[in-house]
Amino acid sequence: MTVPDPLGRPLTAPGPKAFSSAAPGPDDHPLPFFVYGTLRPGESNHARHLRGRTAAEEPARLPGTLLYDGPGYPYLARAGAGDAGGAAGVLGELVTAAPGEYAALLAVLDALEEFLAPGHPLNAYERERCEAVRLADGARVAAWVYVAAPAVRPGAAITGGDWLTRPGRAPLPPPP
């Protein structure tokens, strides 16, 4: 699968094992989620959808990806071979569901990200399996990530791959 960059050029995966669009099966071990935008701690959707449902939130980076601005939220796309900015990747968090919360959290995040099914033409994002790098120890961790669907036309690239430090960002007030 390819994702277009803002100029319509296809962005491809950095390698065949880096991403997988396989849907979770009934015997799959629950994976953490790599979140990189409004689901990060301190952001609006974290407070709405993740608060109280997570067991761990750990800083991580997803190599081989680029971050683009969207209408109030970002889009992540895989970097192509000529995209030097994708080498460092996108900064975010690995979010692990609290015991008993995985199925509900997966359903909530799929709905929020407008993910209907793998390859569905109305998807805003595709949910894909990836390998994020945990910043604390450099460990590679299998996780779910929501990647811009093929029909999405992202905005400008976010230099540095960090939604929280993008130009013009107004920090949210602390939650009540």
N, C-alpha and C. Protein backbone atom coordinates (compact mmCIF):
# COMPACT_ATOMS: atom_id res chain seq x y z
N MET A 1 0.85 -1.18 0.00
CA MET A 1 0.00 0.00 0.00
C MET A 1 0.88 1.24 0.00
N THR A 2 0.49 2.27 -0.74
CA THR A 2 1.22 3.53 -0.74
C THR A 2 0.32 4.62 -0.20
N VAL A 3 0.97 5.66 0.33
CA VAL A 3 0.26 6.82 0.85
C VAL A 3 0.83 8.03 0.12
N PRO A 4 0.00 8.89 -0.45
CA PRO A 4 0.54 10.04 -1.17
C PRO A 4 1.08 11.09 -0.20
N ASP A 5 2.17 11.76 -0.63
CA ASP A 5 2.62 12.91 0.14
C ASP A 5 1.82 14.12 -0.32
N PRO A 6 2.04 15.33 0.23
CA PRO A 6 1.23 16.48 -0.16
C PRO A 6 1.29 16.82 -1.64
N LEU A 7 2.34 16.37 -2.33
CA LEU A 7 2.45 16.65 -3.76
C LEU A 7 1.88 15.52 -4.61
N GLY A 8 1.30 14.51 -3.96
CA GLY A 8 0.71 13.41 -4.68
C GLY A 8 1.69 12.29 -5.00
N ARG A 9 2.97 12.42 -4.57
CA ARG A 9 3.95 11.37 -4.81
C ARG A 9 3.67 10.22 -3.86
N PRO A 10 3.83 8.98 -4.30
CA PRO A 10 3.58 7.86 -3.38
C PRO A 10 4.71 7.74 -2.36
N LEU A 11 4.33 7.51 -1.10
CA LEU A 11 5.30 7.21 -0.05
C LEU A 11 5.20 5.72 0.21
N THR A 12 6.32 5.05 0.27
CA THR A 12 6.31 3.61 0.44
C THR A 12 6.90 3.22 1.78
N ALA A 13 6.60 2.02 2.19
CA ALA A 13 7.10 1.51 3.48
C ALA A 13 8.61 1.35 3.42
N PRO A 14 9.31 1.56 4.56
CA PRO A 14 10.75 1.42 4.59
C PRO A 14 11.22 -0.01 4.42
N GLY A 15 10.41 -0.98 4.63
CA GLY A 15 10.79 -2.38 4.46
C GLY A 15 9.58 -3.26 4.67
N PRO A 16 9.61 -4.49 4.15
CA PRO A 16 8.42 -5.33 4.21
C PRO A 16 8.02 -5.71 5.62
N LYS A 17 8.94 -5.75 6.59
CA LYS A 17 8.58 -6.17 7.94
C LYS A 17 8.23 -4.99 8.84
N ALA A 18 8.40 -3.77 8.37
CA ALA A 18 8.17 -2.60 9.22
C ALA A 18 6.68 -2.38 9.47
N PHE A 19 5.83 -2.69 8.50
CA PHE A 19 4.40 -2.46 8.62
C PHE A 19 3.65 -3.68 8.10
N SER A 20 2.48 -3.92 8.65
CA SER A 20 1.62 -4.98 8.18
C SER A 20 0.19 -4.54 8.37
N SER A 21 -0.67 -4.78 7.40
CA SER A 21 -2.06 -4.38 7.53
C SER A 21 -2.94 -5.51 8.04
N ALA A 22 -2.33 -6.58 8.52
CA ALA A 22 -3.12 -7.70 9.01
C ALA A 22 -3.98 -7.28 10.19
N ALA A 23 -5.23 -7.65 10.15
CA ALA A 23 -6.14 -7.34 11.25
C ALA A 23 -5.85 -8.29 12.41
N PRO A 24 -6.09 -7.85 13.64
CA PRO A 24 -5.84 -8.74 14.77
C PRO A 24 -6.78 -9.93 14.73
N GLY A 25 -6.24 -11.09 15.03
CA GLY A 25 -7.04 -12.29 15.10
C GLY A 25 -7.39 -12.60 16.55
N PRO A 26 -8.28 -13.55 16.76
CA PRO A 26 -8.71 -13.86 18.12
C PRO A 26 -7.57 -14.38 19.00
N ASP A 27 -6.52 -14.95 18.39
CA ASP A 27 -5.41 -15.48 19.17
C ASP A 27 -4.24 -14.51 19.27
N ASP A 28 -4.35 -13.34 18.66
CA ASP A 28 -3.26 -12.36 18.71
C ASP A 28 -3.11 -11.80 20.12
N HIS A 29 -1.86 -11.61 20.50
CA HIS A 29 -1.57 -10.94 21.77
C HIS A 29 -1.88 -9.45 21.58
N PRO A 30 -2.56 -8.84 22.52
CA PRO A 30 -2.87 -7.41 22.37
C PRO A 30 -1.58 -6.59 22.23
N LEU A 31 -1.58 -5.70 21.27
CA LEU A 31 -0.42 -4.83 21.03
C LEU A 31 -0.68 -3.45 21.62
N PRO A 32 0.40 -2.76 22.01
CA PRO A 32 0.22 -1.35 22.37
C PRO A 32 -0.10 -0.56 21.10
N PHE A 33 -0.45 0.69 21.27
CA PHE A 33 -0.73 1.60 20.16
C PHE A 33 0.37 2.65 20.13
N PHE A 34 0.89 2.95 18.93
CA PHE A 34 1.80 4.08 18.79
C PHE A 34 0.94 5.28 18.44
N VAL A 35 0.87 6.28 19.35
CA VAL A 35 0.07 7.48 19.11
C VAL A 35 1.02 8.65 18.93
N TYR A 36 0.66 9.58 18.05
CA TYR A 36 1.60 10.63 17.66
C TYR A 36 0.97 12.01 17.55
N GLY A 37 -0.32 12.15 17.83
CA GLY A 37 -0.98 13.45 17.66
C GLY A 37 -1.88 13.77 18.84
N THR A 38 -3.17 13.89 18.57
CA THR A 38 -4.12 14.33 19.59
C THR A 38 -4.40 13.26 20.64
N LEU A 39 -3.86 12.05 20.46
CA LEU A 39 -3.99 11.01 21.48
C LEU A 39 -2.82 10.99 22.46
N ARG A 40 -1.84 11.86 22.25
CA ARG A 40 -0.69 11.92 23.17
C ARG A 40 -1.10 12.58 24.48
N PRO A 41 -0.42 12.22 25.58
CA PRO A 41 -0.73 12.84 26.88
C PRO A 41 -0.72 14.37 26.79
N GLY A 42 -1.74 14.98 27.38
CA GLY A 42 -1.89 16.43 27.36
C GLY A 42 -2.71 16.95 26.20
N GLU A 43 -3.02 16.11 25.24
CA GLU A 43 -3.78 16.51 24.07
C GLU A 43 -5.26 16.13 24.23
N SER A 44 -6.10 16.76 23.44
CA SER A 44 -7.55 16.65 23.61
C SER A 44 -8.10 15.23 23.54
N ASN A 45 -7.69 14.44 22.59
CA ASN A 45 -8.26 13.10 22.47
C ASN A 45 -7.68 12.12 23.49
N HIS A 46 -6.53 12.43 24.04
CA HIS A 46 -6.02 11.61 25.13
C HIS A 46 -6.98 11.71 26.31
N ALA A 47 -7.35 12.92 26.65
CA ALA A 47 -8.26 13.14 27.78
C ALA A 47 -9.62 12.48 27.52
N ARG A 48 -10.11 12.53 26.30
CA ARG A 48 -11.43 11.99 25.97
C ARG A 48 -11.46 10.47 25.87
N HIS A 49 -10.40 9.87 25.31
CA HIS A 49 -10.47 8.46 24.95
C HIS A 49 -9.49 7.55 25.68
N LEU A 50 -8.41 8.06 26.20
CA LEU A 50 -7.40 7.19 26.82
C LEU A 50 -7.34 7.29 28.34
N ARG A 51 -7.68 8.42 28.90
CA ARG A 51 -7.55 8.60 30.34
C ARG A 51 -8.29 7.50 31.08
N GLY A 52 -7.56 6.82 31.98
CA GLY A 52 -8.14 5.76 32.78
C GLY A 52 -8.20 4.41 32.08
N ARG A 53 -7.81 4.34 30.81
CA ARG A 53 -7.87 3.08 30.05
C ARG A 53 -6.49 2.51 29.75
N THR A 54 -5.43 3.16 30.24
CA THR A 54 -4.08 2.72 29.88
C THR A 54 -3.32 2.22 31.11
N ALA A 55 -2.43 1.26 30.86
CA ALA A 55 -1.56 0.74 31.91
C ALA A 55 -0.18 1.39 31.82
N ALA A 56 0.21 1.81 30.61
CA ALA A 56 1.52 2.44 30.41
C ALA A 56 1.48 3.36 29.21
N GLU A 57 2.25 4.43 29.28
CA GLU A 57 2.45 5.37 28.17
C GLU A 57 3.92 5.71 28.17
N GLU A 58 4.63 5.28 27.12
CA GLU A 58 6.08 5.41 27.07
C GLU A 58 6.51 6.15 25.82
N PRO A 59 7.38 7.15 25.94
CA PRO A 59 7.88 7.85 24.76
C PRO A 59 8.54 6.88 23.78
N ALA A 60 8.26 7.09 22.49
CA ALA A 60 8.79 6.21 21.45
C ALA A 60 8.93 6.99 20.15
N ARG A 61 9.59 6.38 19.21
CA ARG A 61 9.76 6.95 17.87
C ARG A 61 9.44 5.86 16.86
N LEU A 62 8.83 6.25 15.74
CA LEU A 62 8.54 5.31 14.67
C LEU A 62 9.41 5.68 13.47
N PRO A 63 10.52 4.94 13.28
CA PRO A 63 11.43 5.26 12.18
C PRO A 63 10.78 5.04 10.82
N GLY A 64 11.33 5.72 9.81
CA GLY A 64 10.85 5.53 8.45
C GLY A 64 9.50 6.15 8.17
N THR A 65 9.12 7.14 8.98
CA THR A 65 7.82 7.79 8.80
C THR A 65 7.97 9.30 8.82
N LEU A 66 6.97 9.96 8.28
CA LEU A 66 6.90 11.42 8.25
C LEU A 66 5.56 11.84 8.83
N LEU A 67 5.52 13.06 9.37
CA LEU A 67 4.30 13.60 9.96
C LEU A 67 3.84 14.80 9.15
N TYR A 68 2.53 14.83 8.87
CA TYR A 68 1.95 15.93 8.10
C TYR A 68 0.80 16.54 8.88
N ASP A 69 0.61 17.84 8.68
CA ASP A 69 -0.48 18.56 9.31
C ASP A 69 -1.79 18.16 8.63
N GLY A 70 -2.84 18.16 9.42
CA GLY A 70 -4.18 17.89 8.91
C GLY A 70 -5.12 18.95 9.47
N PRO A 71 -6.40 18.75 9.35
CA PRO A 71 -7.38 19.73 9.84
C PRO A 71 -7.58 19.64 11.36
N GLY A 72 -6.55 20.02 12.13
CA GLY A 72 -6.61 19.98 13.58
C GLY A 72 -5.99 18.73 14.18
N TYR A 73 -5.47 17.87 13.35
CA TYR A 73 -4.82 16.65 13.80
C TYR A 73 -3.83 16.24 12.71
N PRO A 74 -2.83 15.41 13.06
CA PRO A 74 -1.82 15.06 12.06
C PRO A 74 -2.13 13.77 11.30
N TYR A 75 -1.37 13.58 10.24
CA TYR A 75 -1.36 12.33 9.50
C TYR A 75 0.07 11.81 9.49
N LEU A 76 0.22 10.52 9.71
CA LEU A 76 1.51 9.86 9.61
C LEU A 76 1.54 9.14 8.28
N ALA A 77 2.69 9.20 7.61
CA ALA A 77 2.87 8.49 6.35
C ALA A 77 4.25 7.85 6.35
N ARG A 78 4.37 6.78 5.64
CA ARG A 78 5.67 6.13 5.50
C ARG A 78 6.55 6.96 4.57
N ALA A 79 7.82 7.09 4.92
CA ALA A 79 8.77 7.84 4.11
C ALA A 79 9.19 7.00 2.91
N GLY A 80 9.40 7.67 1.79
CA GLY A 80 9.91 7.01 0.61
C GLY A 80 11.43 6.99 0.65
N ALA A 81 12.04 6.31 -0.31
CA ALA A 81 13.49 6.15 -0.34
C ALA A 81 14.22 7.49 -0.41
N GLY A 82 13.65 8.50 -1.05
CA GLY A 82 14.32 9.79 -1.20
C GLY A 82 13.98 10.80 -0.11
N ASP A 83 13.22 10.39 0.90
CA ASP A 83 12.80 11.32 1.95
C ASP A 83 13.72 11.21 3.16
N ALA A 84 14.75 12.07 3.19
CA ALA A 84 15.73 12.03 4.28
C ALA A 84 15.08 12.31 5.63
N GLY A 85 14.03 13.11 5.67
CA GLY A 85 13.37 13.44 6.93
C GLY A 85 12.71 12.26 7.60
N GLY A 86 12.48 11.19 6.87
CA GLY A 86 11.83 10.03 7.45
C GLY A 86 12.76 9.12 8.21
N ALA A 87 14.08 9.34 8.07
CA ALA A 87 15.03 8.47 8.76
C ALA A 87 14.86 8.56 10.27
N ALA A 88 14.69 9.77 10.80
CA ALA A 88 14.53 9.94 12.24
C ALA A 88 13.16 9.46 12.68
N GLY A 89 12.16 9.64 11.84
CA GLY A 89 10.82 9.17 12.15
C GLY A 89 9.98 10.15 12.92
N VAL A 90 8.88 9.65 13.41
CA VAL A 90 7.87 10.44 14.11
C VAL A 90 7.95 10.11 15.60
N LEU A 91 7.86 11.15 16.42
CA LEU A 91 7.88 10.99 17.86
C LEU A 91 6.46 10.82 18.38
N GLY A 92 6.29 9.94 19.36
CA GLY A 92 4.98 9.72 19.96
C GLY A 92 5.10 8.92 21.24
N GLU A 93 4.06 8.18 21.56
CA GLU A 93 4.04 7.35 22.75
C GLU A 93 3.52 5.97 22.41
N LEU A 94 4.06 4.98 23.08
CA LEU A 94 3.50 3.64 23.06
C LEU A 94 2.50 3.57 24.20
N VAL A 95 1.26 3.32 23.87
CA VAL A 95 0.18 3.29 24.86
C VAL A 95 -0.28 1.84 25.01
N THR A 96 -0.18 1.32 26.21
CA THR A 96 -0.60 -0.05 26.50
C THR A 96 -1.94 0.00 27.23
N ALA A 97 -2.89 -0.75 26.73
CA ALA A 97 -4.23 -0.78 27.34
C ALA A 97 -4.16 -1.37 28.75
N ALA A 98 -4.98 -0.84 29.64
CA ALA A 98 -5.11 -1.39 30.99
C ALA A 98 -5.75 -2.77 30.89
N PRO A 99 -5.53 -3.63 31.89
CA PRO A 99 -6.16 -4.95 31.87
C PRO A 99 -7.68 -4.85 31.66
N GLY A 100 -8.17 -5.66 30.72
CA GLY A 100 -9.60 -5.69 30.43
C GLY A 100 -10.09 -4.58 29.51
N GLU A 101 -9.21 -3.68 29.09
CA GLU A 101 -9.62 -2.52 28.27
C GLU A 101 -9.25 -2.64 26.79
N TYR A 102 -8.48 -3.66 26.42
CA TYR A 102 -7.93 -3.71 25.06
C TYR A 102 -9.01 -3.70 23.97
N ALA A 103 -9.98 -4.57 24.05
CA ALA A 103 -11.01 -4.66 23.00
C ALA A 103 -11.79 -3.36 22.88
N ALA A 104 -12.16 -2.79 24.02
CA ALA A 104 -12.91 -1.52 24.00
C ALA A 104 -12.04 -0.40 23.45
N LEU A 105 -10.79 -0.37 23.84
CA LEU A 105 -9.88 0.69 23.36
C LEU A 105 -9.65 0.56 21.86
N LEU A 106 -9.47 -0.66 21.38
CA LEU A 106 -9.31 -0.88 19.94
C LEU A 106 -10.53 -0.37 19.18
N ALA A 107 -11.72 -0.67 19.67
CA ALA A 107 -12.96 -0.21 19.01
C ALA A 107 -13.08 1.31 19.04
N VAL A 108 -12.75 1.93 20.17
CA VAL A 108 -12.83 3.40 20.29
C VAL A 108 -11.84 4.06 19.35
N LEU A 109 -10.62 3.55 19.30
CA LEU A 109 -9.60 4.17 18.43
C LEU A 109 -9.92 3.95 16.96
N ASP A 110 -10.41 2.77 16.59
CA ASP A 110 -10.81 2.54 15.20
C ASP A 110 -11.90 3.54 14.79
N ALA A 111 -12.87 3.78 15.67
CA ALA A 111 -13.94 4.73 15.35
C ALA A 111 -13.40 6.15 15.26
N LEU A 112 -12.58 6.55 16.22
CA LEU A 112 -12.00 7.90 16.20
C LEU A 112 -11.20 8.14 14.93
N GLU A 113 -10.42 7.15 14.53
CA GLU A 113 -9.53 7.30 13.37
C GLU A 113 -10.24 6.98 12.04
N GLU A 114 -11.53 6.74 12.11
CA GLU A 114 -12.32 6.44 10.91
C GLU A 114 -11.72 5.28 10.12
N PHE A 115 -11.37 4.23 10.86
CA PHE A 115 -10.87 2.99 10.27
C PHE A 115 -12.01 1.99 10.29
N LEU A 116 -12.51 1.63 9.10
CA LEU A 116 -13.64 0.72 8.99
C LEU A 116 -13.21 -0.73 8.80
N ALA A 117 -12.23 -0.95 7.95
CA ALA A 117 -11.69 -2.28 7.67
C ALA A 117 -10.44 -2.08 6.82
N PRO A 118 -9.51 -3.03 6.81
CA PRO A 118 -8.31 -2.86 5.98
C PRO A 118 -8.67 -2.57 4.52
N GLY A 119 -8.12 -1.47 4.00
CA GLY A 119 -8.32 -1.12 2.60
C GLY A 119 -9.69 -0.54 2.26
N HIS A 120 -10.54 -0.31 3.24
CA HIS A 120 -11.88 0.23 2.95
C HIS A 120 -11.74 1.62 2.31
N PRO A 121 -12.48 1.91 1.24
CA PRO A 121 -12.32 3.19 0.54
C PRO A 121 -12.72 4.42 1.37
N LEU A 122 -13.48 4.24 2.44
CA LEU A 122 -13.89 5.38 3.26
C LEU A 122 -12.98 5.60 4.48
N ASN A 123 -11.94 4.79 4.62
CA ASN A 123 -11.01 4.97 5.74
C ASN A 123 -10.31 6.32 5.65
N ALA A 124 -10.19 6.99 6.80
CA ALA A 124 -9.31 8.16 6.90
C ALA A 124 -7.90 7.69 7.23
N TYR A 125 -7.82 6.63 7.99
CA TYR A 125 -6.55 6.01 8.37
C TYR A 125 -6.65 4.51 8.17
N GLU A 126 -5.49 3.88 7.96
CA GLU A 126 -5.37 2.43 7.99
C GLU A 126 -4.69 2.08 9.31
N ARG A 127 -5.19 1.05 9.99
CA ARG A 127 -4.50 0.56 11.19
C ARG A 127 -3.52 -0.50 10.75
N GLU A 128 -2.25 -0.27 11.05
CA GLU A 128 -1.21 -1.18 10.62
C GLU A 128 -0.30 -1.56 11.77
N ARG A 129 0.22 -2.75 11.70
CA ARG A 129 1.20 -3.23 12.68
C ARG A 129 2.55 -2.61 12.30
N CYS A 130 3.29 -2.14 13.30
CA CYS A 130 4.59 -1.52 13.04
C CYS A 130 5.57 -1.92 14.14
N GLU A 131 6.80 -1.46 14.02
CA GLU A 131 7.80 -1.63 15.06
C GLU A 131 8.28 -0.25 15.48
N ALA A 132 7.86 0.17 16.66
CA ALA A 132 8.29 1.45 17.23
C ALA A 132 9.51 1.20 18.09
N VAL A 133 10.28 2.25 18.31
CA VAL A 133 11.47 2.17 19.16
C VAL A 133 11.17 2.91 20.45
N ARG A 134 11.19 2.18 21.56
CA ARG A 134 10.97 2.78 22.88
C ARG A 134 12.20 3.61 23.22
N LEU A 135 12.01 4.89 23.57
CA LEU A 135 13.12 5.79 23.82
C LEU A 135 13.91 5.43 25.07
N ALA A 136 13.27 4.90 26.09
CA ALA A 136 13.94 4.61 27.36
C ALA A 136 15.07 3.61 27.20
N ASP A 137 14.89 2.61 26.33
CA ASP A 137 15.90 1.55 26.24
C ASP A 137 16.25 1.16 24.80
N GLY A 138 15.65 1.79 23.81
CA GLY A 138 15.95 1.48 22.41
C GLY A 138 15.33 0.18 21.92
N ALA A 139 14.49 -0.45 22.73
CA ALA A 139 13.85 -1.71 22.33
C ALA A 139 12.85 -1.47 21.20
N ARG A 140 12.81 -2.40 20.26
CA ARG A 140 11.82 -2.36 19.18
C ARG A 140 10.57 -3.08 19.69
N VAL A 141 9.42 -2.41 19.57
CA VAL A 141 8.18 -2.92 20.13
C VAL A 141 7.11 -2.97 19.03
N ALA A 142 6.52 -4.14 18.85
CA ALA A 142 5.40 -4.27 17.91
C ALA A 142 4.22 -3.49 18.46
N ALA A 143 3.56 -2.74 17.58
CA ALA A 143 2.44 -1.89 18.00
C ALA A 143 1.51 -1.64 16.82
N TRP A 144 0.30 -1.16 17.12
CA TRP A 144 -0.61 -0.67 16.10
C TRP A 144 -0.35 0.81 15.90
N VAL A 145 -0.43 1.27 14.66
CA VAL A 145 -0.35 2.69 14.35
C VAL A 145 -1.39 2.99 13.28
N TYR A 146 -1.93 4.19 13.31
CA TYR A 146 -2.89 4.64 12.30
C TYR A 146 -2.15 5.51 11.30
N VAL A 147 -2.11 5.04 10.04
CA VAL A 147 -1.39 5.66 8.94
C VAL A 147 -2.41 6.28 7.99
N ALA A 148 -2.09 7.43 7.42
CA ALA A 148 -3.00 8.09 6.47
C ALA A 148 -3.42 7.11 5.37
N ALA A 149 -4.72 7.03 5.13
CA ALA A 149 -5.26 6.16 4.09
C ALA A 149 -4.90 6.75 2.71
N PRO A 150 -4.90 5.93 1.67
CA PRO A 150 -4.50 6.39 0.35
C PRO A 150 -5.26 7.61 -0.17
N ALA A 151 -6.53 7.76 0.16
CA ALA A 151 -7.32 8.88 -0.36
C ALA A 151 -7.03 10.21 0.35
N VAL A 152 -6.33 10.17 1.47
CA VAL A 152 -6.06 11.38 2.26
C VAL A 152 -5.01 12.25 1.57
N ARG A 153 -5.25 13.55 1.58
CA ARG A 153 -4.29 14.53 1.06
C ARG A 153 -3.81 15.38 2.24
N PRO A 154 -2.71 14.94 2.90
CA PRO A 154 -2.22 15.67 4.07
C PRO A 154 -1.75 17.07 3.72
N GLY A 155 -1.62 17.89 4.75
CA GLY A 155 -1.11 19.25 4.59
C GLY A 155 0.40 19.27 4.60
N ALA A 156 0.96 20.36 5.13
CA ALA A 156 2.40 20.56 5.15
C ALA A 156 3.09 19.56 6.08
N ALA A 157 4.32 19.22 5.73
CA ALA A 157 5.13 18.35 6.59
C ALA A 157 5.43 19.06 7.90
N ILE A 158 5.43 18.30 8.99
CA ILE A 158 5.78 18.83 10.30
C ILE A 158 7.24 18.49 10.55
N THR A 159 8.10 19.49 10.44
CA THR A 159 9.53 19.31 10.60
C THR A 159 9.84 18.74 11.97
N GLY A 160 10.69 17.75 12.01
CA GLY A 160 11.09 17.12 13.26
C GLY A 160 10.18 15.98 13.68
N GLY A 161 9.02 15.83 13.03
CA GLY A 161 8.14 14.70 13.30
C GLY A 161 7.50 14.68 14.67
N ASP A 162 7.35 15.86 15.29
CA ASP A 162 6.76 15.91 16.64
C ASP A 162 5.57 16.86 16.65
N TRP A 163 4.36 16.30 16.80
CA TRP A 163 3.13 17.07 16.83
C TRP A 163 3.15 18.11 17.95
N LEU A 164 3.78 17.79 19.07
CA LEU A 164 3.77 18.68 20.23
C LEU A 164 4.67 19.90 20.07
N THR A 165 5.59 19.87 19.13
CA THR A 165 6.50 21.01 18.94
C THR A 165 6.31 21.67 17.57
N ARG A 166 5.20 21.39 16.91
CA ARG A 166 4.97 21.98 15.59
C ARG A 166 4.81 23.50 15.70
N PRO A 167 5.18 24.22 14.66
CA PRO A 167 5.01 25.68 14.68
C PRO A 167 3.54 26.07 14.84
N GLY A 168 3.28 27.07 15.64
CA GLY A 168 1.93 27.58 15.82
C GLY A 168 1.09 26.79 16.81
N ARG A 169 1.68 25.80 17.47
CA ARG A 169 0.91 24.99 18.42
C ARG A 169 0.58 25.81 19.65
N ALA A 170 -0.67 25.80 20.03
CA ALA A 170 -1.12 26.42 21.26
C ALA A 170 -1.35 25.30 22.27
N PRO A 171 -0.60 25.28 23.37
CA PRO A 171 -0.80 24.20 24.32
C PRO A 171 -2.20 24.22 24.94
N LEU A 172 -2.71 23.05 25.20
CA LEU A 172 -4.02 22.93 25.83
C LEU A 172 -3.89 23.21 27.33
N PRO A 173 -4.93 23.73 27.93
CA PRO A 173 -4.89 23.91 29.39
C PRO A 173 -4.88 22.53 30.05
N PRO A 174 -4.35 22.44 31.28
CA PRO A 174 -4.35 21.14 31.96
C PRO A 174 -5.79 20.66 32.19
N PRO A 175 -5.96 19.32 32.18
CA PRO A 175 -7.31 18.77 32.39
C PRO A 175 -7.79 19.09 33.81
N PRO A 176 -9.12 19.18 33.97
CA PRO A 176 -9.67 19.50 35.30
C PRO A 176 -9.47 18.37 36.29
